[in-house]
N, C-alpha and C. Protein backbone atom coordinates (compact mmCIF):
# COMPACT_ATOMS: atom_id res chain seq x y z
N MET A 1 -2.38 -8.56 10.66
CA MET A 1 -1.59 -7.92 9.52
C MET A 1 -1.73 -6.32 9.86
N GLU A 2 -0.89 -5.47 9.79
CA GLU A 2 -0.74 -4.31 10.09
C GLU A 2 -1.43 -3.15 9.46
N ARG A 3 -2.30 -2.39 9.75
CA ARG A 3 -2.87 -1.34 8.93
C ARG A 3 -1.97 -0.34 8.07
N GLY A 4 -1.08 -0.24 8.41
CA GLY A 4 -0.26 0.54 7.62
C GLY A 4 0.38 -0.02 6.50
N ARG A 5 0.66 -1.48 6.78
CA ARG A 5 0.85 -2.24 5.29
C ARG A 5 -0.28 -2.25 4.66
N VAL A 6 -1.56 -2.33 4.65
CA VAL A 6 -2.74 -2.73 3.95
C VAL A 6 -3.00 -1.27 3.49
N GLU A 7 -2.87 -0.58 4.22
CA GLU A 7 -3.03 1.03 3.36
C GLU A 7 -2.07 1.37 2.51
N ARG A 8 -0.98 1.17 2.63
CA ARG A 8 -0.01 1.69 1.58
C ARG A 8 -0.12 0.43 0.52
N ALA A 9 -0.37 -0.55 0.52
CA ALA A 9 -0.72 -1.45 -0.40
C ALA A 9 -1.90 -0.82 -1.43
N ALA A 10 -2.99 -0.48 -0.55
CA ALA A 10 -4.13 0.25 -1.07
C ALA A 10 -4.05 1.34 -2.05
N ARG A 11 -2.99 2.16 -1.53
CA ARG A 11 -2.38 3.41 -2.57
C ARG A 11 -1.67 2.68 -3.76
N MET A 12 -0.88 1.96 -3.58
CA MET A 12 0.30 1.98 -4.37
C MET A 12 -0.16 1.19 -5.62
N TYR A 13 -0.96 0.02 -5.59
CA TYR A 13 -1.54 -0.69 -6.92
C TYR A 13 -2.84 -0.29 -7.18
N SER A 14 -3.15 -0.44 -8.56
CA SER A 14 -4.46 -0.27 -8.93
C SER A 14 -5.73 -1.38 -8.86
N THR A 15 -4.92 -2.17 -8.64
CA THR A 15 -6.24 -3.43 -8.47
C THR A 15 -5.80 -3.94 -7.15
N ASN A 16 -7.28 -4.74 -6.45
CA ASN A 16 -7.31 -5.58 -5.29
C ASN A 16 -6.54 -6.75 -5.37
N GLU A 17 -6.39 -7.39 -6.55
CA GLU A 17 -5.75 -8.45 -6.72
C GLU A 17 -4.14 -8.12 -6.86
N ALA A 18 -3.51 -7.15 -7.31
CA ALA A 18 -2.62 -6.63 -7.39
C ALA A 18 -1.89 -6.48 -5.85
N ALA A 19 -2.70 -5.55 -5.16
CA ALA A 19 -2.39 -5.28 -3.72
C ALA A 19 -2.24 -6.31 -2.80
N SER A 20 -3.33 -7.44 -3.17
CA SER A 20 -3.66 -8.76 -2.16
C SER A 20 -2.18 -9.30 -2.47
N ARG A 21 -1.93 -9.53 -3.52
CA ARG A 21 -0.42 -10.32 -4.23
C ARG A 21 0.97 -9.92 -3.29
N ALA A 22 0.87 -8.49 -3.67
CA ALA A 22 1.84 -7.71 -2.94
C ALA A 22 2.10 -8.23 -1.37
N LEU A 23 1.27 -8.41 -0.44
CA LEU A 23 0.82 -8.64 0.89
C LEU A 23 1.02 -10.04 1.04
N GLY A 24 0.69 -10.95 0.12
CA GLY A 24 0.61 -12.33 0.12
C GLY A 24 -0.32 -12.98 0.80
N ILE A 25 -1.61 -12.23 0.32
CA ILE A 25 -3.00 -12.68 1.22
C ILE A 25 -3.81 -13.19 0.00
N GLU A 26 -4.77 -13.24 0.10
CA GLU A 26 -5.87 -13.65 -0.98
C GLU A 26 -6.69 -12.42 -0.74
N PRO A 27 -7.24 -12.13 -2.15
CA PRO A 27 -8.07 -10.92 -2.39
C PRO A 27 -9.21 -10.68 -1.89
N ARG A 28 -9.77 -11.52 -1.27
CA ARG A 28 -10.97 -11.75 -0.20
C ARG A 28 -10.46 -11.14 0.67
N SER A 29 -9.47 -11.73 1.54
CA SER A 29 -8.86 -11.10 2.84
C SER A 29 -8.32 -9.54 2.80
N PHE A 30 -7.94 -9.47 1.66
CA PHE A 30 -7.42 -7.96 1.68
C PHE A 30 -8.59 -7.01 1.38
N SER A 31 -9.93 -7.36 1.00
CA SER A 31 -10.75 -6.74 1.10
C SER A 31 -11.59 -6.59 2.62
N ARG A 32 -11.44 -7.64 2.87
CA ARG A 32 -11.97 -7.75 4.25
C ARG A 32 -11.15 -6.51 5.49
N LEU A 33 -9.82 -6.96 4.94
CA LEU A 33 -9.09 -5.99 6.03
C LEU A 33 -9.28 -4.77 5.76
N CYS A 34 -9.32 -4.44 4.43
CA CYS A 34 -9.84 -2.67 3.97
C CYS A 34 -11.25 -2.45 4.85
N ARG A 35 -11.84 -2.93 4.56
CA ARG A 35 -13.49 -2.78 5.29
C ARG A 35 -13.22 -2.73 7.21
N ARG A 36 -12.48 -3.68 7.43
CA ARG A 36 -12.25 -3.73 8.99
C ARG A 36 -11.50 -2.32 9.29
N TYR A 37 -10.55 -2.15 8.78
CA TYR A 37 -9.63 -0.97 8.98
C TYR A 37 -10.34 0.38 8.21
N GLY A 38 -11.27 0.51 7.70
CA GLY A 38 -11.99 1.69 6.83
C GLY A 38 -10.78 2.35 5.89
N ILE A 39 -10.29 1.41 5.13
CA ILE A 39 -9.58 1.75 3.79
C ILE A 39 -10.18 1.68 2.67
N GLU A 40 -10.39 2.90 1.61
CA GLU A 40 -10.34 2.58 0.53
C GLU A 40 -9.81 1.68 -0.45
N THR A 41 -10.30 0.63 -0.97
CA THR A 41 -9.51 -0.07 -1.90
C THR A 41 -9.48 0.43 -3.44
N PRO A 42 -8.42 -0.14 -4.08
CA PRO A 42 -8.21 0.32 -5.03
C PRO A 42 -9.42 0.36 -6.31
N TYR A 43 -10.38 -0.87 -5.90
CA TYR A 43 -11.51 -0.72 -6.74
C TYR A 43 -12.67 0.13 -6.55
N ALA A 44 -12.75 0.53 -5.11
CA ALA A 44 -13.63 1.25 -4.82
C ALA A 44 -12.94 2.87 -5.42
N ARG A 45 -11.97 3.21 -5.16
CA ARG A 45 -10.97 4.36 -5.91
C ARG A 45 -11.40 4.70 -7.14
N ARG A 46 -11.56 3.66 -7.69
CA ARG A 46 -11.57 3.80 -9.50
C ARG A 46 -13.01 4.00 -9.61
N LEU A 47 -13.82 3.35 -9.01
CA LEU A 47 -15.31 3.73 -9.17
C LEU A 47 -15.60 5.07 -8.88
N ARG A 48 -14.98 5.64 -7.51
CA ARG A 48 -15.28 7.01 -7.18
C ARG A 48 -14.52 8.34 -8.12
N GLU A 49 -13.39 7.87 -8.53
CA GLU A 49 -12.84 8.43 -9.73
C GLU A 49 -13.64 8.88 -11.31
N ARG A 50 -14.59 7.50 -11.51
CA ARG A 50 -15.26 7.78 -12.52
C ARG A 50 -16.47 8.36 -12.50
N ARG A 51 -17.15 8.58 -11.32
CA ARG A 51 -18.11 9.31 -11.30
C ARG A 51 -17.85 10.91 -11.28
């Protein structure tokens, strides 16, 4: 999966589940790809914004 697609989905959607569904992959795979590419997940973004 291309980094650009993963990055765009992470920015567009408010949950990891929604982003992974849009990409057609499992949420765990989405999280793993984000970790590999150094992309902040929607979940991590929400936690950061709450602080």
